[in-house]
Amino acid sequence: MANDTTTAPKRGRAAAAATDAPPAPQDPREVVAPLLAPRHQRTVGHLHALAASPPQVVLAEGGTAPERMALALYWAALLNCEAPGDGLDDARPCLACPSCLRMAGGGHRDLVVLDGNKPSAEEGSFSIENVRALRGLLGEPPREGRRRVVVLVDAHTRVEAANGLLKSLEEPRPTTCFVLLAPQRERLLPTLVSRSFVLTLAWPTDAAPPPPAVRDWLDALVEFIQTGGGWMERTSRKGDLDAPLAVAVVLHCQRALADVLAGRAADPLGRLLAERMDLARLRRCDEALAAAQEALSLSPSPVNPALVMDWLATRMFLGVR
């Protein structure tokens, strides 16, 4: 990202920084393919309609993580495509011009990607330091395209950095477009959501059912939330619950919560949450699930999975009361 006049963050740069050795070329059609599935046709149409007068902030929720990232790259390519057209037709993005090729490969100098899942010290992280450095860059015009596109992956994971970003959004940036990616808008600061044009990708409808071992634990969790019994006895049995199994249970809980927020709750856990939790409690439940997932994923020493799941189950038990 930096040139002679731009100060880079002390402990990392944006993932799309221009370098002397650009990333290996990728086929843009493969990169944006997750977005071009038939179930996202309506969302793609919205992007083309917005291209004539792009909002400063687009928030993409729903879908899967690869689909949300594909939307961000498609949007960046659409805004900077060098093919003839005005962005309102199917001729753009062409996915073949030099600009589209660089967007797909992450080597375009007007594409900045900051990832909330990366540790703060890692290159391309959505850290407060990178956000501060980005604010200086935003005062400059785009370097090789019409618009600079700043993509923030899972912005909800870094509240302090998100607050820093809000200061950048207080001033109009006519040549900069932000794209916020999150599973649900409820995970983001309300002040960020209020400044965004929200696009909701179609939620996955073909998700595989949980394997028997995970289903067994999910059923036990539903019983505990309803009655307060049986759960601690299960987690206290040595060897019954390891970290991979606990992570799988948490992921299926997050899927059930996503279904509730999308207005459908076919899973037993989802139906229970929909019946017993209002939006504020659902948001707290989502925060608890994210905290449990983070604790189980710590490297090299994750927290004891039984302790994590006992804490999560207790939070969910109290959340319905």
C-alpha atoms as a PDB file:
ATOM      1  CA  MET A   1       0.000   0.000   0.000  1.00  0.00           C
ATOM      2  CA  ALA A   2       2.781   2.418   0.786  1.00  0.00           C
ATOM      3  CA  ASN A   3       4.800   4.586  -1.547  1.00  0.00           C
ATOM      4  CA  ASP A   4       7.377   7.258  -0.735  1.00  0.00           C
ATOM      5  CA  THR A   5       4.720   9.547   0.714  1.00  0.00           C
ATOM      6  CA  THR A   6       2.618   7.067   2.696  1.00  0.00           C
ATOM      7  CA  THR A   7       3.548   5.775   6.131  1.00  0.00           C
ATOM      8  CA  ALA A   8       2.927   2.046   6.529  1.00  0.00           C
ATOM      9  CA  PRO A   9       1.599   0.584   9.779  1.00  0.00           C
ATOM     10  CA  LYS A  10       4.383  -0.344  12.158  1.00  0.00           C
ATOM     11  CA  ARG A  11       3.412  -3.998  12.328  1.00  0.00           C
ATOM     12  CA  GLY A  12       1.781  -4.764   9.024  1.00  0.00           C
ATOM     13  CA  ARG A  13       0.406  -3.484   5.745  1.00  0.00           C
ATOM     14  CA  ALA A  14      -2.868  -3.945   3.929  1.00  0.00           C
ATOM     15  CA  ALA A  15      -3.092  -7.284   2.158  1.00  0.00           C
ATOM     16  CA  ALA A  16      -3.400  -5.657  -1.229  1.00  0.00           C
ATOM     17  CA  ALA A  17      -0.206  -3.653  -1.002  1.00  0.00           C
ATOM     18  CA  ALA A  18       1.585  -3.092  -4.275  1.00  0.00           C
ATOM     19  CA  THR A  19       4.994  -4.778  -4.321  1.00  0.00           C
ATOM     20  CA  ASP A  20       7.805  -5.419  -6.753  1.00  0.00           C
ATOM     21  CA  ALA A  21       6.691  -9.063  -6.972  1.00  0.00           C
ATOM     22  CA  PRO A  22       2.932  -9.062  -7.686  1.00  0.00           C
ATOM     23  CA  PRO A  23       0.797 -12.039  -6.631  1.00  0.00           C
ATOM     24  CA  ALA A  24       0.440 -14.941  -9.024  1.00  0.00           C
ATOM     25  CA  PRO A  25      -2.327 -14.313 -11.585  1.00  0.00           C
ATOM     26  CA  GLN A  26      -5.722 -15.857 -10.880  1.00  0.00           C
ATOM     27  CA  ASP A  27      -8.634 -16.410 -13.195  1.00  0.00           C
ATOM     28  CA  PRO A  28     -11.103 -13.667 -12.176  1.00  0.00           C
ATOM     29  CA  ARG A  29     -14.039 -15.883 -13.134  1.00  0.00           C
ATOM     30  CA  GLU A  30     -12.941 -18.461 -10.609  1.00  0.00           C
ATOM     31  CA  VAL A  31     -12.410 -15.817  -7.945  1.00  0.00           C
ATOM     32  CA  VAL A  32     -15.912 -14.345  -8.281  1.00  0.00           C
ATOM     33  CA  ALA A  33     -17.623 -17.663  -9.101  1.00  0.00           C
ATOM     34  CA  PRO A  34     -19.144 -18.056  -5.582  1.00  0.00           C
ATOM     35  CA  LEU A  35     -21.110 -14.838  -6.143  1.00  0.00           C
ATOM     36  CA  LEU A  36     -22.335 -15.828  -9.604  1.00  0.00           C
ATOM     37  CA  ALA A  37     -24.407 -18.783  -8.375  1.00  0.00           C
ATOM     38  CA  PRO A  38     -28.044 -18.465  -9.495  1.00  0.00           C
ATOM     39  CA  ARG A  39     -29.287 -17.811  -5.955  1.00  0.00           C
ATOM     40  CA  HIS A  40     -27.272 -14.562  -5.856  1.00  0.00           C
ATOM     41  CA  GLN A  41     -28.587 -13.186  -9.160  1.00  0.00           C
ATOM     42  CA  ARG A  42     -30.670 -10.538  -7.404  1.00  0.00           C
ATOM     43  CA  THR A  43     -27.689  -9.295  -5.384  1.00  0.00           C
ATOM     44  CA  VAL A  44     -25.530  -9.050  -8.502  1.00  0.00           C
ATOM     45  CA  GLY A  45     -28.287  -6.960 -10.082  1.00  0.00           C
ATOM     46  CA  HIS A  46     -28.219  -4.605  -7.098  1.00  0.00           C
ATOM     47  CA  LEU A  47     -24.461  -4.156  -7.483  1.00  0.00           C
ATOM     48  CA  HIS A  48     -24.864  -3.138 -11.127  1.00  0.00           C
ATOM     49  CA  ALA A  49     -27.613  -0.701 -10.225  1.00  0.00           C
ATOM     50  CA  LEU A  50     -25.438   0.868  -7.517  1.00  0.00           C
ATOM     51  CA  ALA A  51     -22.395   1.207  -9.762  1.00  0.00           C
ATOM     52  CA  ALA A  52     -23.661   4.385 -11.444  1.00  0.00           C
ATOM     53  CA  SER A  53     -23.554   6.220  -8.098  1.00  0.00           C
ATOM     54  CA  PRO A  54     -21.733   3.998  -5.600  1.00  0.00           C
ATOM     55  CA  PRO A  55     -22.495   4.404  -1.885  1.00  0.00           C
ATOM     56  CA  GLN A  56     -19.472   5.062   0.282  1.00  0.00           C
ATOM     57  CA  VAL A  57     -20.114   1.924   2.352  1.00  0.00           C
ATOM     58  CA  VAL A  58     -21.594  -1.401   1.257  1.00  0.00           C
ATOM     59  CA  LEU A  59     -22.272  -3.994   3.939  1.00  0.00           C
ATOM     60  CA  ALA A  60     -22.489  -7.568   2.657  1.00  0.00           C
ATOM     61  CA  GLU A  61     -24.104 -10.055   5.024  1.00  0.00           C
ATOM     62  CA  GLY A  62     -25.469 -13.560   4.642  1.00  0.00           C
ATOM     63  CA  GLY A  63     -24.159 -16.244   2.332  1.00  0.00           C
ATOM     64  CA  THR A  64     -20.837 -17.870   3.135  1.00  0.00           C
ATOM     65  CA  ALA A  65     -17.446 -16.295   3.786  1.00  0.00           C
ATOM     66  CA  PRO A  66     -16.169 -17.106   0.245  1.00  0.00           C
ATOM     67  CA  GLU A  67     -19.362 -15.669  -1.261  1.00  0.00           C
ATOM     68  CA  ARG A  68     -19.018 -12.449   0.707  1.00  0.00           C
ATOM     69  CA  MET A  69     -15.392 -12.090  -0.361  1.00  0.00           C
ATOM     70  CA  ALA A  70     -16.360 -12.804  -3.969  1.00  0.00           C
ATOM     71  CA  LEU A  71     -18.917  -9.986  -3.753  1.00  0.00           C
ATOM     72  CA  ALA A  72     -16.246  -7.566  -2.540  1.00  0.00           C
ATOM     73  CA  LEU A  73     -13.880  -8.435  -5.382  1.00  0.00           C
ATOM     74  CA  TYR A  74     -16.675  -8.354  -7.970  1.00  0.00           C
ATOM     75  CA  TRP A  75     -17.675  -4.887  -6.735  1.00  0.00           C
ATOM     76  CA  ALA A  76     -14.073  -3.677  -6.883  1.00  0.00           C
ATOM     77  CA  ALA A  77     -13.700  -5.030 -10.407  1.00  0.00           C
ATOM     78  CA  LEU A  78     -17.029  -3.524 -11.490  1.00  0.00           C
ATOM     79  CA  LEU A  79     -16.045  -0.051 -10.263  1.00  0.00           C
ATOM     80  CA  ASN A  80     -12.645  -0.138 -11.967  1.00  0.00           C
ATOM     81  CA  CYS A  81     -13.195  -2.296 -15.066  1.00  0.00           C
ATOM     82  CA  GLU A  82     -11.519  -0.844 -18.156  1.00  0.00           C
ATOM     83  CA  ALA A  83     -14.001  -2.309 -20.635  1.00  0.00           C
ATOM     84  CA  PRO A  84     -16.501   0.024 -22.336  1.00  0.00           C
ATOM     85  CA  GLY A  85     -19.791   0.483 -20.496  1.00  0.00           C
ATOM     86  CA  ASP A  86     -21.346   2.321 -17.591  1.00  0.00           C
ATOM     87  CA  GLY A  87     -21.601  -0.460 -15.022  1.00  0.00           C
ATOM     88  CA  LEU A  88     -25.322  -0.951 -15.558  1.00  0.00           C
ATOM     89  CA  ASP A  89     -25.063  -3.756 -18.106  1.00  0.00           C
ATOM     90  CA  ASP A  90     -23.555  -7.218 -18.296  1.00  0.00           C
ATOM     91  CA  ALA A  91     -20.473  -6.034 -20.196  1.00  0.00           C
ATOM     92  CA  ARG A  92     -18.803  -5.038 -16.939  1.00  0.00           C
ATOM     93  CA  PRO A  93     -16.903  -6.237 -15.137  1.00  0.00           C
ATOM     94  CA  CYS A  94     -15.318  -7.894 -18.137  1.00  0.00           C
ATOM     95  CA  LEU A  95     -13.056 -10.035 -15.888  1.00  0.00           C
ATOM     96  CA  ALA A  96     -10.415  -9.920 -18.617  1.00  0.00           C
ATOM     97  CA  CYS A  97      -8.911  -6.410 -18.663  1.00  0.00           C
ATOM     98  CA  PRO A  98      -5.708  -5.603 -16.742  1.00  0.00           C
ATOM     99  CA  SER A  99      -7.678  -3.969 -13.935  1.00  0.00           C
ATOM    100  CA  CYS A 100      -9.955  -6.985 -13.419  1.00  0.00           C
ATOM    101  CA  LEU A 101      -6.972  -9.335 -13.509  1.00  0.00           C
ATOM    102  CA  ARG A 102      -5.151  -7.341 -10.826  1.00  0.00           C
ATOM    103  CA  MET A 103      -8.252  -7.155  -8.648  1.00  0.00           C
ATOM    104  CA  ALA A 104      -8.646 -10.927  -8.761  1.00  0.00           C
ATOM    105  CA  GLY A 105      -4.980 -11.475  -7.964  1.00  0.00           C
ATOM    106  CA  GLY A 106      -4.936  -8.992  -5.087  1.00  0.00           C
ATOM    107  CA  GLY A 107      -2.306  -6.878  -6.829  1.00  0.00           C
ATOM    108  CA  HIS A 108      -4.356  -3.801  -7.724  1.00  0.00           C
ATOM    109  CA  ARG A 109      -2.981  -0.713  -6.003  1.00  0.00           C
ATOM    110  CA  ASP A 110      -6.485   0.594  -5.304  1.00  0.00           C
ATOM    111  CA  LEU A 111      -7.645  -2.569  -3.529  1.00  0.00           C
ATOM    112  CA  VAL A 112      -7.068  -2.751   0.221  1.00  0.00           C
ATOM    113  CA  VAL A 113      -8.105  -5.852   2.161  1.00  0.00           C
ATOM    114  CA  LEU A 114      -7.950  -5.904   5.964  1.00  0.00           C
ATOM    115  CA  ASP A 115      -8.936  -9.135   7.704  1.00  0.00           C
ATOM    116  CA  GLY A 116     -10.404  -9.165  11.189  1.00  0.00           C
ATOM    117  CA  ASN A 117      -9.490 -12.830  11.584  1.00  0.00           C
ATOM    118  CA  LYS A 118      -5.745 -12.154  11.452  1.00  0.00           C
ATOM    119  CA  PRO A 119      -3.732 -11.362  14.591  1.00  0.00           C
ATOM    120  CA  SER A 120      -3.041  -7.652  14.974  1.00  0.00           C
ATOM    121  CA  ALA A 121       0.671  -8.083  14.344  1.00  0.00           C
ATOM    122  CA  GLU A 122       0.109  -9.925  11.078  1.00  0.00           C
ATOM    123  CA  GLU A 123       0.214  -8.299   7.657  1.00  0.00           C
ATOM    124  CA  GLY A 124      -3.216  -7.390   6.348  1.00  0.00           C
ATOM    125  CA  SER A 125      -4.937  -7.511   9.736  1.00  0.00           C
ATOM    126  CA  PHE A 126      -7.871  -5.258  10.581  1.00  0.00           C
ATOM    127  CA  SER A 127      -5.948  -3.669  13.445  1.00  0.00           C
ATOM    128  CA  ILE A 128      -6.209  -0.196  14.884  1.00  0.00           C
ATOM    129  CA  GLU A 129      -2.702   0.534  13.565  1.00  0.00           C
ATOM    130  CA  ASN A 130      -3.632  -0.403  10.007  1.00  0.00           C
ATOM    131  CA  VAL A 131      -6.827   1.630  10.237  1.00  0.00           C
ATOM    132  CA  ARG A 132      -4.854   4.668  11.383  1.00  0.00           C
ATOM    133  CA  ALA A 133      -2.410   4.264   8.487  1.00  0.00           C
ATOM    134  CA  LEU A 134      -5.320   3.789   6.106  1.00  0.00           C
ATOM    135  CA  ARG A 135      -6.807   7.139   7.116  1.00  0.00           C
ATOM    136  CA  GLY A 136      -3.720   8.859   5.734  1.00  0.00           C
ATOM    137  CA  LEU A 137      -3.962   6.962   2.475  1.00  0.00           C
ATOM    138  CA  LEU A 138      -7.614   7.918   2.036  1.00  0.00           C
ATOM    139  CA  GLY A 139      -6.623  11.537   1.567  1.00  0.00           C
ATOM    140  CA  GLU A 140      -4.859  10.612  -1.670  1.00  0.00           C
ATOM    141  CA  PRO A 141      -6.563  10.023  -5.034  1.00  0.00           C
ATOM    142  CA  PRO A 142      -6.714   6.464  -6.429  1.00  0.00           C
ATOM    143  CA  ARG A 143      -3.403   5.338  -7.854  1.00  0.00           C
ATOM    144  CA  GLU A 144      -4.389   3.435 -10.975  1.00  0.00           C
ATOM    145  CA  GLY A 145      -8.176   3.113 -11.101  1.00  0.00           C
ATOM    146  CA  ARG A 146     -11.281   5.224 -10.786  1.00  0.00           C
ATOM    147  CA  ARG A 147     -12.049   4.250  -7.200  1.00  0.00           C
ATOM    148  CA  ARG A 148     -10.178   2.843  -4.261  1.00  0.00           C
ATOM    149  CA  VAL A 149     -11.999  -0.105  -2.656  1.00  0.00           C
ATOM    150  CA  VAL A 150     -11.324  -0.949   0.995  1.00  0.00           C
ATOM    151  CA  VAL A 151     -12.564  -4.385   2.060  1.00  0.00           C
ATOM    152  CA  LEU A 152     -12.933  -5.140   5.774  1.00  0.00           C
ATOM    153  CA  VAL A 153     -13.348  -8.855   6.408  1.00  0.00           C
ATOM    154  CA  ASP A 154     -15.254  -9.753   9.589  1.00  0.00           C
ATOM    155  CA  ALA A 155     -15.077  -6.193  10.882  1.00  0.00           C
ATOM    156  CA  HIS A 156     -17.152  -7.209  13.900  1.00  0.00           C
ATOM    157  CA  THR A 157     -14.143  -8.962  15.437  1.00  0.00           C
ATOM    158  CA  ARG A 158     -12.244  -5.718  16.070  1.00  0.00           C
ATOM    159  CA  VAL A 159     -14.422  -3.166  17.864  1.00  0.00           C
ATOM    160  CA  GLU A 160     -11.577  -0.714  18.564  1.00  0.00           C
ATOM    161  CA  ALA A 161     -10.458  -0.725  14.943  1.00  0.00           C
ATOM    162  CA  ALA A 162     -14.071  -0.369  13.796  1.00  0.00           C
ATOM    163  CA  ASN A 163     -14.421   2.706  15.993  1.00  0.00           C
ATOM    164  CA  GLY A 164     -11.312   4.111  14.347  1.00  0.00           C
ATOM    165  CA  LEU A 165     -12.843   3.461  10.956  1.00  0.00           C
ATOM    166  CA  LEU A 166     -15.920   5.479  11.899  1.00  0.00           C
ATOM    167  CA  LYS A 167     -13.770   8.599  12.068  1.00  0.00           C
ATOM    168  CA  SER A 168     -12.760   8.022   8.452  1.00  0.00           C
ATOM    169  CA  LEU A 169     -16.408   7.757   7.441  1.00  0.00           C
ATOM    170  CA  GLU A 170     -17.280  11.117   8.958  1.00  0.00           C
ATOM    171  CA  GLU A 171     -15.771  12.845   5.929  1.00  0.00           C
ATOM    172  CA  PRO A 172     -17.038  12.132   2.403  1.00  0.00           C
ATOM    173  CA  ARG A 173     -14.568  10.130   0.314  1.00  0.00           C
ATOM    174  CA  PRO A 174     -15.954  10.393  -3.231  1.00  0.00           C
ATOM    175  CA  THR A 175     -13.215   8.218  -4.742  1.00  0.00           C
ATOM    176  CA  THR A 176     -13.188   5.562  -1.993  1.00  0.00           C
ATOM    177  CA  CYS A 177     -15.697   2.787  -1.405  1.00  0.00           C
ATOM    178  CA  PHE A 178     -15.719   0.630   1.713  1.00  0.00           C
ATOM    179  CA  VAL A 179     -17.032  -2.935   1.763  1.00  0.00           C
ATOM    180  CA  LEU A 180     -17.836  -4.435   5.168  1.00  0.00           C
ATOM    181  CA  LEU A 181     -18.184  -8.222   5.299  1.00  0.00           C
ATOM    182  CA  ALA A 182     -19.991  -9.911   8.176  1.00  0.00           C
ATOM    183  CA  PRO A 183     -22.205 -12.981   8.646  1.00  0.00           C
ATOM    184  CA  GLN A 184     -25.033 -10.812  10.029  1.00  0.00           C
ATOM    185  CA  ARG A 185     -25.390  -7.053  10.376  1.00  0.00           C
ATOM    186  CA  GLU A 186     -26.252  -7.551  14.052  1.00  0.00           C
ATOM    187  CA  ARG A 187     -22.598  -8.393  14.711  1.00  0.00           C
ATOM    188  CA  LEU A 188     -21.449  -4.930  13.664  1.00  0.00           C
ATOM    189  CA  LEU A 189     -21.604  -1.650  15.516  1.00  0.00           C
ATOM    190  CA  PRO A 190     -25.028  -0.043  14.884  1.00  0.00           C
ATOM    191  CA  THR A 191     -23.220   3.154  13.879  1.00  0.00           C
ATOM    192  CA  LEU A 192     -21.429   1.268  11.101  1.00  0.00           C
ATOM    193  CA  VAL A 193     -24.628  -0.365   9.892  1.00  0.00           C
ATOM    194  CA  SER A 194     -26.464   2.964   9.820  1.00  0.00           C
ATOM    195  CA  ARG A 195     -23.839   4.352   7.415  1.00  0.00           C
ATOM    196  CA  SER A 196     -24.009   1.364   5.074  1.00  0.00           C
ATOM    197  CA  PHE A 197     -26.025   0.184   2.101  1.00  0.00           C
ATOM    198  CA  VAL A 198     -26.834  -3.362   3.199  1.00  0.00           C
ATOM    199  CA  LEU A 199     -26.847  -6.237   0.704  1.00  0.00           C
ATOM    200  CA  THR A 200     -27.998  -9.619   1.980  1.00  0.00           C
ATOM    201  CA  LEU A 201     -26.673 -12.618   0.120  1.00  0.00           C
ATOM    202  CA  ALA A 202     -28.918 -15.638  -0.061  1.00  0.00           C
ATOM    203  CA  TRP A 203     -28.396 -17.830   2.962  1.00  0.00           C
ATOM    204  CA  PRO A 204     -27.091 -21.349   2.285  1.00  0.00           C
ATOM    205  CA  THR A 205     -29.999 -23.749   1.788  1.00  0.00           C
ATOM    206  CA  ASP A 206     -28.031 -26.893   1.082  1.00  0.00           C
ATOM    207  CA  ALA A 207     -26.028 -27.116   4.296  1.00  0.00           C
ATOM    208  CA  ALA A 208     -25.272 -30.692   5.230  1.00  0.00           C
ATOM    209  CA  PRO A 209     -26.961 -31.956   8.408  1.00  0.00           C
ATOM    210  CA  PRO A 210     -24.641 -32.292  11.392  1.00  0.00           C
ATOM    211  CA  PRO A 211     -22.940 -35.668  11.814  1.00  0.00           C
ATOM    212  CA  PRO A 212     -24.387 -37.951  14.534  1.00  0.00           C
ATOM    213  CA  ALA A 213     -21.814 -37.003  17.172  1.00  0.00           C
ATOM    214  CA  VAL A 214     -22.506 -33.288  16.698  1.00  0.00           C
ATOM    215  CA  ARG A 215     -26.272 -33.836  16.558  1.00  0.00           C
ATOM    216  CA  ASP A 216     -26.070 -35.691  19.868  1.00  0.00           C
ATOM    217  CA  TRP A 217     -24.368 -32.738  21.533  1.00  0.00           C
ATOM    218  CA  LEU A 218     -26.780 -30.243  19.969  1.00  0.00           C
ATOM    219  CA  ASP A 219     -29.733 -32.220  21.311  1.00  0.00           C
ATOM    220  CA  ALA A 220     -28.097 -32.264  24.740  1.00  0.00           C
ATOM    221  CA  LEU A 221     -27.603 -28.490  24.537  1.00  0.00           C
ATOM    222  CA  VAL A 222     -31.271 -27.932  23.699  1.00  0.00           C
ATOM    223  CA  GLU A 223     -32.265 -30.096  26.663  1.00  0.00           C
ATOM    224  CA  PHE A 224     -29.951 -28.175  28.984  1.00  0.00           C
ATOM    225  CA  ILE A 225     -31.222 -24.787  27.812  1.00  0.00           C
ATOM    226  CA  GLN A 226     -34.775 -25.942  28.475  1.00  0.00           C
ATOM    227  CA  THR A 227     -34.291 -27.853  31.748  1.00  0.00           C
ATOM    228  CA  GLY A 228     -30.857 -27.018  33.132  1.00  0.00           C
ATOM    229  CA  GLY A 229     -29.995 -30.696  33.422  1.00  0.00           C
ATOM    230  CA  GLY A 230     -27.753 -33.321  31.895  1.00  0.00           C
ATOM    231  CA  TRP A 231     -25.097 -31.119  30.303  1.00  0.00           C
ATOM    232  CA  MET A 232     -22.428 -30.968  33.003  1.00  0.00           C
ATOM    233  CA  GLU A 233     -22.529 -34.728  33.417  1.00  0.00           C
ATOM    234  CA  ARG A 234     -21.709 -35.137  29.743  1.00  0.00           C
ATOM    235  CA  THR A 235     -18.841 -32.638  29.651  1.00  0.00           C
ATOM    236  CA  SER A 236     -17.284 -34.095  32.803  1.00  0.00           C
ATOM    237  CA  ARG A 237     -16.792 -37.494  31.155  1.00  0.00           C
ATOM    238  CA  LYS A 238     -13.156 -37.593  30.139  1.00  0.00           C
ATOM    239  CA  GLY A 239     -12.506 -38.000  26.419  1.00  0.00           C
ATOM    240  CA  ASP A 240     -16.107 -37.441  25.289  1.00  0.00           C
ATOM    241  CA  LEU A 241     -15.508 -33.902  24.015  1.00  0.00           C
ATOM    242  CA  ASP A 242     -12.350 -32.801  22.226  1.00  0.00           C
ATOM    243  CA  ALA A 243     -11.612 -29.431  20.603  1.00  0.00           C
ATOM    244  CA  PRO A 244     -12.571 -30.379  16.991  1.00  0.00           C
ATOM    245  CA  LEU A 245     -15.931 -31.751  18.150  1.00  0.00           C
ATOM    246  CA  ALA A 246     -16.576 -28.670  20.296  1.00  0.00           C
ATOM    247  CA  VAL A 247     -15.754 -26.374  17.362  1.00  0.00           C
ATOM    248  CA  ALA A 248     -18.174 -28.326  15.153  1.00  0.00           C
ATOM    249  CA  VAL A 249     -20.931 -27.922  17.764  1.00  0.00           C
ATOM    250  CA  VAL A 250     -20.278 -24.164  17.985  1.00  0.00           C
ATOM    251  CA  LEU A 251     -20.353 -23.799  14.181  1.00  0.00           C
ATOM    252  CA  HIS A 252     -23.716 -25.551  13.956  1.00  0.00           C
ATOM    253  CA  CYS A 253     -25.026 -23.315  16.738  1.00  0.00           C
ATOM    254  CA  GLN A 254     -23.918 -20.294  14.708  1.00  0.00           C
ATOM    255  CA  ARG A 255     -25.693 -21.703  11.665  1.00  0.00           C
ATOM    256  CA  ALA A 256     -28.877 -22.149  13.694  1.00  0.00           C
ATOM    257  CA  LEU A 257     -28.599 -18.553  14.912  1.00  0.00           C
ATOM    258  CA  ALA A 258     -28.064 -17.306  11.356  1.00  0.00           C
ATOM    259  CA  ASP A 259     -31.256 -19.101  10.325  1.00  0.00           C
ATOM    260  CA  VAL A 260     -33.142 -17.353  13.121  1.00  0.00           C
ATOM    261  CA  LEU A 261     -31.868 -13.940  12.019  1.00  0.00           C
ATOM    262  CA  ALA A 262     -32.852 -14.782   8.433  1.00  0.00           C
ATOM    263  CA  GLY A 263     -36.404 -15.557   9.509  1.00  0.00           C
ATOM    264  CA  ARG A 264     -36.257 -19.319   9.311  1.00  0.00           C
ATOM    265  CA  ALA A 265     -35.610 -21.761  12.134  1.00  0.00           C
ATOM    266  CA  ALA A 266     -35.997 -25.374  11.081  1.00  0.00           C
ATOM    267  CA  ASP A 267     -33.345 -26.704  13.470  1.00  0.00           C
ATOM    268  CA  PRO A 268     -34.549 -27.579  17.024  1.00  0.00           C
ATOM    269  CA  LEU A 269     -31.996 -25.198  18.528  1.00  0.00           C
ATOM    270  CA  GLY A 270     -33.023 -22.458  16.114  1.00  0.00           C
ATOM    271  CA  ARG A 271     -36.691 -22.876  16.985  1.00  0.00           C
ATOM    272  CA  LEU A 272     -35.873 -22.646  20.681  1.00  0.00           C
ATOM    273  CA  LEU A 273     -33.824 -19.485  20.211  1.00  0.00           C
ATOM    274  CA  ALA A 274     -36.508 -17.917  18.011  1.00  0.00           C
ATOM    275  CA  GLU A 275     -39.187 -18.615  20.590  1.00  0.00           C
ATOM    276  CA  ARG A 276     -37.277 -17.538  23.696  1.00  0.00           C
ATOM    277  CA  MET A 277     -34.883 -14.753  22.653  1.00  0.00           C
ATOM    278  CA  ASP A 278     -35.506 -11.236  21.421  1.00  0.00           C
ATOM    279  CA  LEU A 279     -33.019  -9.446  19.161  1.00  0.00           C
ATOM    280  CA  ALA A 280     -30.894  -8.137  22.035  1.00  0.00           C
ATOM    281  CA  ARG A 281     -30.571 -11.620  23.524  1.00  0.00           C
ATOM    282  CA  LEU A 282     -29.811 -13.110  20.128  1.00  0.00           C
ATOM    283  CA  ARG A 283     -26.994 -10.587  19.758  1.00  0.00           C
ATOM    284  CA  ARG A 284     -25.566 -11.594  23.146  1.00  0.00           C
ATOM    285  CA  CYS A 285     -25.867 -15.241  22.143  1.00  0.00           C
ATOM    286  CA  ASP A 286     -23.956 -14.500  18.948  1.00  0.00           C
ATOM    287  CA  GLU A 287     -21.206 -12.790  20.952  1.00  0.00           C
ATOM    288  CA  ALA A 288     -20.969 -15.805  23.267  1.00  0.00           C
ATOM    289  CA  LEU A 289     -20.667 -18.189  20.317  1.00  0.00           C
ATOM    290  CA  ALA A 290     -17.932 -16.045  18.778  1.00  0.00           C
ATOM    291  CA  ALA A 291     -16.042 -15.956  22.088  1.00  0.00           C
ATOM    292  CA  ALA A 292     -16.328 -19.743  22.439  1.00  0.00           C
ATOM    293  CA  GLN A 293     -15.076 -20.274  18.894  1.00  0.00           C
ATOM    294  CA  GLU A 294     -12.108 -17.995  19.539  1.00  0.00           C
ATOM    295  CA  ALA A 295     -11.233 -19.768  22.802  1.00  0.00           C
ATOM    296  CA  LEU A 296     -11.355 -23.154  21.094  1.00  0.00           C
ATOM    297  CA  SER A 297      -9.156 -21.932  18.249  1.00  0.00           C
ATOM    298  CA  LEU A 298      -6.345 -20.365  20.273  1.00  0.00           C
ATOM    299  CA  SER A 299      -2.941 -21.562  19.118  1.00  0.00           C
ATOM    300  CA  PRO A 300      -0.935 -23.343  20.340  1.00  0.00           C
ATOM    301  CA  SER A 301      -2.993 -23.817  23.529  1.00  0.00           C
ATOM    302  CA  PRO A 302      -6.786 -23.731  23.146  1.00  0.00           C
ATOM    303  CA  VAL A 303      -8.876 -23.496  26.283  1.00  0.00           C
ATOM    304  CA  ASN A 304     -10.129 -26.798  27.692  1.00  0.00           C
ATOM    305  CA  PRO A 305     -13.124 -27.609  25.433  1.00  0.00           C
ATOM    306  CA  ALA A 306     -15.264 -28.881  28.304  1.00  0.00           C
ATOM    307  CA  LEU A 307     -14.807 -25.602  30.200  1.00  0.00           C
ATOM    308  CA  VAL A 308     -15.591 -23.564  27.097  1.00  0.00           C
ATOM    309  CA  MET A 309     -18.745 -25.515  26.329  1.00  0.00           C
ATOM    310  CA  ASP A 310     -19.904 -25.376  29.972  1.00  0.00           C
ATOM    311  CA  TRP A 311     -19.509 -21.593  29.873  1.00  0.00           C
ATOM    312  CA  LEU A 312     -21.349 -21.346  26.535  1.00  0.00           C
ATOM    313  CA  ALA A 313     -24.203 -23.606  27.626  1.00  0.00           C
ATOM    314  CA  THR A 314     -24.636 -21.570  30.815  1.00  0.00           C
ATOM    315  CA  ARG A 315     -24.757 -18.321  28.854  1.00  0.00           C
ATOM    316  CA  MET A 316     -27.400 -19.740  26.547  1.00  0.00           C
ATOM    317  CA  PHE A 317     -29.378 -21.195  29.474  1.00  0.00           C
ATOM    318  CA  LEU A 318     -29.470 -17.779  31.157  1.00  0.00           C
ATOM    319  CA  GLY A 319     -30.201 -16.071  27.840  1.00  0.00           C
ATOM    320  CA  VAL A 320     -33.656 -17.624  27.494  1.00  0.00           C
ATOM    321  CA  ARG A 321     -34.730 -16.570  30.980  1.00  0.00           C
END
